[in-house]
Amino acid sequence: MRKANEGIIKIWDMSTGASHQLPGHKGEVMTMVTASGALFSAGADNTIRVWSFNAQASIFMSQAIITKDDGGHDAPVHALQIGGNFMFSADRKGIIKVWDLGSGQVVQSLDSNGDNRTKEPIMQLLVWDGPRPGIITMQGTLDAQGAPVVMLVYSNEDAVRLYDLPTFQSRGFMTPAPETRCLGMMLTPEGKGQIIMSGDNKGKLHIFTWKPAAI
């Protein structure tokens, strides 16, 4: 029986139709990503959960629960994104954490509300006074030269902000992108950036393209 206020992940085997459930989260499950055969989930209980695949039983099993005490978040986690050997997590307070997938450790914490966006990578959590806009959604992509970029949308802005990875150097922002709720991208056959899409809360799709590199 499902417990009250319990977030459930349901896994489907598309080849057999079999399914199983992954209980554990308290409250909404807000985001999930996969990498190296593992499933990462996060949500309203401020935790990131790691689920490993048991090939013998053909099910995912709980491997780790990452809380604030483990270097995780102290606010609901809205977004997860994989980039190479790193995972990026973002919470309602606007904190971004960078995780080394090899060691499972936090290697960087960034308070996106400060004026340090164009400085060197931040290796510790910075606390700032004043209001903190939440991160609504985030998406990784590649620019026109194939370099990694992360796109971020904040709750109090009508724009999509772009940052180089892994330095978090600002690349500016895309506008108009009012009330953005989701992001998407398409790559060229060569694996370089081509089209970026943002969807808003009115059902409109905004499409952006990278400018050709100056010769």
Protein backbone atom coordinates (compact mmCIF):
# COMPACT_ATOMS: atom_id res chain seq x y z
CA MET A 1 0.00 0.00 0.00
CA ARG A 2 1.29 3.44 -0.89
CA LYS A 3 2.08 5.67 2.09
CA ALA A 4 0.74 9.22 2.32
CA ASN A 5 2.98 11.85 0.75
CA GLU A 6 5.26 9.22 -0.76
CA GLY A 7 6.91 9.84 -4.12
CA ILE A 8 6.89 6.74 -6.31
CA ILE A 9 9.06 6.04 -9.37
CA LYS A 10 7.67 3.42 -11.74
CA ILE A 11 10.04 1.49 -14.02
CA TRP A 12 8.85 -0.21 -17.22
CA ASP A 13 10.73 -2.85 -19.20
CA MET A 14 9.79 -1.90 -22.77
CA SER A 15 10.74 -5.34 -24.15
CA THR A 16 8.64 -7.43 -21.73
CA GLY A 17 6.08 -4.98 -20.38
CA ALA A 18 7.07 -5.86 -16.82
CA SER A 19 7.18 -3.04 -14.28
CA HIS A 20 8.28 -2.36 -10.72
CA GLN A 21 8.12 0.58 -8.33
CA LEU A 22 10.80 2.47 -6.43
CA PRO A 23 9.39 3.93 -3.20
CA GLY A 24 11.42 6.13 -0.89
CA HIS A 25 11.05 9.80 -1.74
CA LYS A 26 8.87 11.86 0.58
CA GLY A 27 6.73 14.16 -1.52
CA GLU A 28 7.04 14.86 -5.24
CA VAL A 29 9.74 13.32 -7.40
CA MET A 30 10.72 16.36 -9.48
CA THR A 31 13.51 15.18 -11.76
CA MET A 32 15.41 12.07 -12.92
CA VAL A 33 18.46 11.32 -15.07
CA THR A 34 20.42 8.19 -15.95
CA ALA A 35 24.17 7.65 -16.30
CA SER A 36 26.46 4.61 -16.36
CA GLY A 37 23.61 2.21 -15.69
CA ALA A 38 22.37 4.11 -12.64
CA LEU A 39 19.22 6.16 -12.11
CA PHE A 40 19.40 9.44 -10.17
CA SER A 41 16.22 10.99 -8.78
CA ALA A 42 15.49 14.07 -6.68
CA GLY A 43 12.54 15.97 -5.35
CA ALA A 44 10.66 17.78 -2.63
CA ASP A 45 12.38 15.95 0.25
CA ASN A 46 15.71 17.71 -0.58
CA THR A 47 17.41 14.38 -1.33
CA ILE A 48 19.12 12.91 -4.36
CA ARG A 49 18.67 9.14 -4.57
CA VAL A 50 20.86 6.75 -6.53
CA TRP A 51 19.38 3.52 -7.88
CA SER A 52 21.59 0.80 -9.37
CA PHE A 53 20.36 -1.84 -11.82
CA ASN A 54 20.43 -5.44 -10.63
CA ALA A 55 20.77 -7.40 -13.87
CA GLN A 56 20.04 -10.75 -12.22
CA ALA A 57 16.71 -9.58 -10.83
CA SER A 58 16.07 -7.10 -13.68
CA ILE A 59 15.14 -4.35 -11.24
CA PHE A 60 16.61 -1.11 -9.91
CA MET A 61 17.63 -1.11 -6.24
CA SER A 62 18.46 1.70 -3.82
CA GLN A 63 22.20 2.36 -3.71
CA ALA A 64 22.51 5.68 -1.89
CA ILE A 65 20.50 8.54 -0.40
CA ILE A 66 22.31 11.90 -0.57
CA THR A 67 21.16 14.41 2.03
CA LYS A 68 22.39 17.79 3.26
CA ASP A 69 24.75 15.96 5.65
CA ASP A 70 26.40 14.30 2.64
CA GLY A 71 27.02 17.63 0.92
CA GLY A 72 23.62 17.69 -0.75
CA HIS A 73 20.81 20.24 -0.76
CA ASP A 74 18.69 21.79 1.98
CA ALA A 75 15.85 22.74 -0.37
CA PRO A 76 13.71 20.82 -2.88
CA VAL A 77 15.81 19.71 -5.86
CA HIS A 78 14.17 20.69 -9.14
CA ALA A 79 16.73 19.72 -11.79
CA LEU A 80 19.44 17.16 -12.49
CA GLN A 81 21.67 17.11 -15.56
CA ILE A 82 24.56 14.86 -16.63
CA GLY A 83 27.56 16.34 -18.44
CA GLY A 84 30.49 14.01 -19.11
CA ASN A 85 31.79 12.68 -15.79
CA PHE A 86 29.80 15.22 -13.80
CA MET A 87 26.23 15.58 -12.58
CA PHE A 88 24.71 19.01 -11.92
CA SER A 89 21.88 19.46 -9.41
CA ALA A 90 19.87 22.64 -8.79
CA ASP A 91 17.46 23.50 -6.01
CA ARG A 92 14.70 25.95 -5.17
CA LYS A 93 17.09 28.34 -3.45
CA GLY A 94 19.15 28.75 -6.60
CA ILE A 95 22.06 26.57 -5.45
CA ILE A 96 23.85 24.51 -8.12
CA LYS A 97 26.05 21.61 -7.06
CA VAL A 98 28.56 19.78 -9.24
CA TRP A 99 29.11 16.09 -8.49
CA ASP A 100 32.00 13.88 -9.60
CA LEU A 101 30.28 10.69 -10.78
CA GLY A 102 33.45 8.69 -10.21
CA SER A 103 33.87 9.55 -6.54
CA GLY A 104 30.27 10.51 -5.75
CA GLN A 105 31.54 13.69 -4.07
CA VAL A 106 30.58 17.35 -4.49
CA VAL A 107 33.41 19.19 -6.25
CA GLN A 108 31.72 22.58 -6.55
CA SER A 109 28.78 24.52 -5.10
CA LEU A 110 27.56 27.67 -6.80
CA ASP A 111 25.13 30.25 -5.45
CA SER A 112 23.66 31.51 -8.72
CA ASN A 113 22.22 34.64 -7.10
CA GLY A 114 25.55 36.32 -6.45
CA ASP A 115 27.67 38.45 -8.75
CA ASN A 116 30.30 35.72 -8.97
CA ARG A 117 28.94 34.15 -12.17
CA THR A 118 31.85 35.38 -14.26
CA LYS A 119 34.59 34.53 -11.73
CA GLU A 120 36.59 31.36 -11.28
CA PRO A 121 34.77 28.13 -10.32
CA ILE A 122 33.52 28.21 -6.72
CA MET A 123 34.66 25.27 -4.62
CA GLN A 124 32.47 25.94 -1.59
CA LEU A 125 28.91 26.99 -0.83
CA LEU A 126 28.43 30.76 -0.68
CA VAL A 127 25.52 32.22 1.34
CA TRP A 128 24.03 35.54 0.24
CA ASP A 129 21.58 37.90 1.98
CA GLY A 130 18.34 38.87 0.25
CA PRO A 131 15.84 37.05 -1.96
CA ARG A 132 16.90 33.95 -3.86
CA PRO A 133 15.14 33.13 -7.11
CA GLY A 134 14.55 29.44 -7.66
CA ILE A 135 15.76 27.47 -10.66
CA ILE A 136 12.77 26.34 -12.72
CA THR A 137 14.59 24.13 -15.23
CA MET A 138 18.04 23.45 -16.66
CA GLN A 139 19.38 21.68 -19.74
CA GLY A 140 22.82 20.84 -21.08
CA THR A 141 23.71 21.47 -24.72
CA LEU A 142 26.66 22.16 -27.04
CA ASP A 143 27.42 25.43 -28.78
CA ALA A 144 28.12 25.84 -32.50
CA GLN A 145 31.75 24.74 -31.95
CA GLY A 146 30.76 21.68 -29.89
CA ALA A 147 31.72 23.11 -26.48
CA PRO A 148 29.49 22.17 -23.49
CA VAL A 149 27.03 24.78 -22.20
CA VAL A 150 24.38 24.66 -19.48
CA MET A 151 21.11 26.59 -19.85
CA LEU A 152 19.34 27.83 -16.72
CA VAL A 153 15.94 29.45 -16.15
CA TYR A 154 15.22 31.34 -12.92
CA SER A 155 11.77 31.92 -11.49
CA ASN A 156 11.98 35.72 -11.58
CA GLU A 157 13.41 36.15 -15.09
CA ASP A 158 11.97 36.05 -18.63
CA ALA A 159 15.23 34.83 -20.14
CA VAL A 160 17.37 31.70 -20.53
CA ARG A 161 20.88 32.16 -19.14
CA LEU A 162 23.88 30.38 -20.69
CA TYR A 163 27.08 29.29 -18.90
CA ASP A 164 30.21 27.55 -20.17
CA LEU A 165 31.11 24.24 -18.54
CA PRO A 166 32.89 23.43 -16.36
CA THR A 167 33.95 27.04 -15.56
CA PHE A 168 30.45 28.56 -15.28
CA GLN A 169 31.66 31.60 -17.23
CA SER A 170 28.59 33.54 -18.38
CA ARG A 171 27.71 33.32 -22.08
CA GLY A 172 24.88 35.86 -21.76
CA PHE A 173 21.20 35.12 -22.10
CA MET A 174 18.45 34.45 -24.65
CA THR A 175 15.29 36.53 -24.73
CA PRO A 176 12.35 36.75 -25.08
CA ALA A 177 11.66 33.58 -23.10
CA PRO A 178 8.77 34.49 -20.78
CA GLU A 179 7.60 32.06 -18.08
CA THR A 180 9.81 29.26 -19.43
CA ARG A 181 8.95 25.83 -18.05
CA CYS A 182 11.03 23.46 -20.20
CA LEU A 183 14.09 23.48 -22.44
CA GLY A 184 15.20 21.30 -25.34
CA MET A 185 17.94 21.21 -27.95
CA MET A 186 18.88 19.58 -31.26
CA LEU A 187 22.41 18.80 -32.43
CA THR A 188 23.90 18.58 -35.90
CA PRO A 189 25.09 15.15 -37.13
CA GLU A 190 28.60 16.36 -36.21
CA GLY A 191 27.54 16.74 -32.57
CA LYS A 192 27.52 20.52 -32.45
CA GLY A 193 24.82 22.89 -31.28
CA GLN A 194 22.10 23.85 -33.75
CA ILE A 195 18.71 24.69 -32.23
CA ILE A 196 17.59 25.56 -28.69
CA MET A 197 13.90 25.46 -27.77
CA SER A 198 12.05 26.86 -24.77
CA GLY A 199 8.42 26.21 -23.87
CA ASP A 200 6.41 28.63 -21.75
CA ASN A 201 3.35 28.35 -19.52
CA LYS A 202 1.09 29.60 -22.32
CA GLY A 203 1.90 26.68 -24.59
CA LYS A 204 4.21 28.69 -26.88
CA LEU A 205 7.48 27.29 -28.25
CA HIS A 206 10.42 29.70 -28.71
CA ILE A 207 13.22 28.59 -31.06
CA PHE A 208 16.78 29.98 -31.00
CA THR A 209 19.82 29.21 -33.17
CA TRP A 210 23.52 29.75 -32.55
CA LYS A 211 25.21 32.54 -34.51
CA PRO A 212 27.90 31.34 -36.93
CA ALA A 213 31.42 31.79 -35.57
CA ALA A 214 33.21 34.94 -36.76
CA ILE A 215 35.88 34.25 -39.37
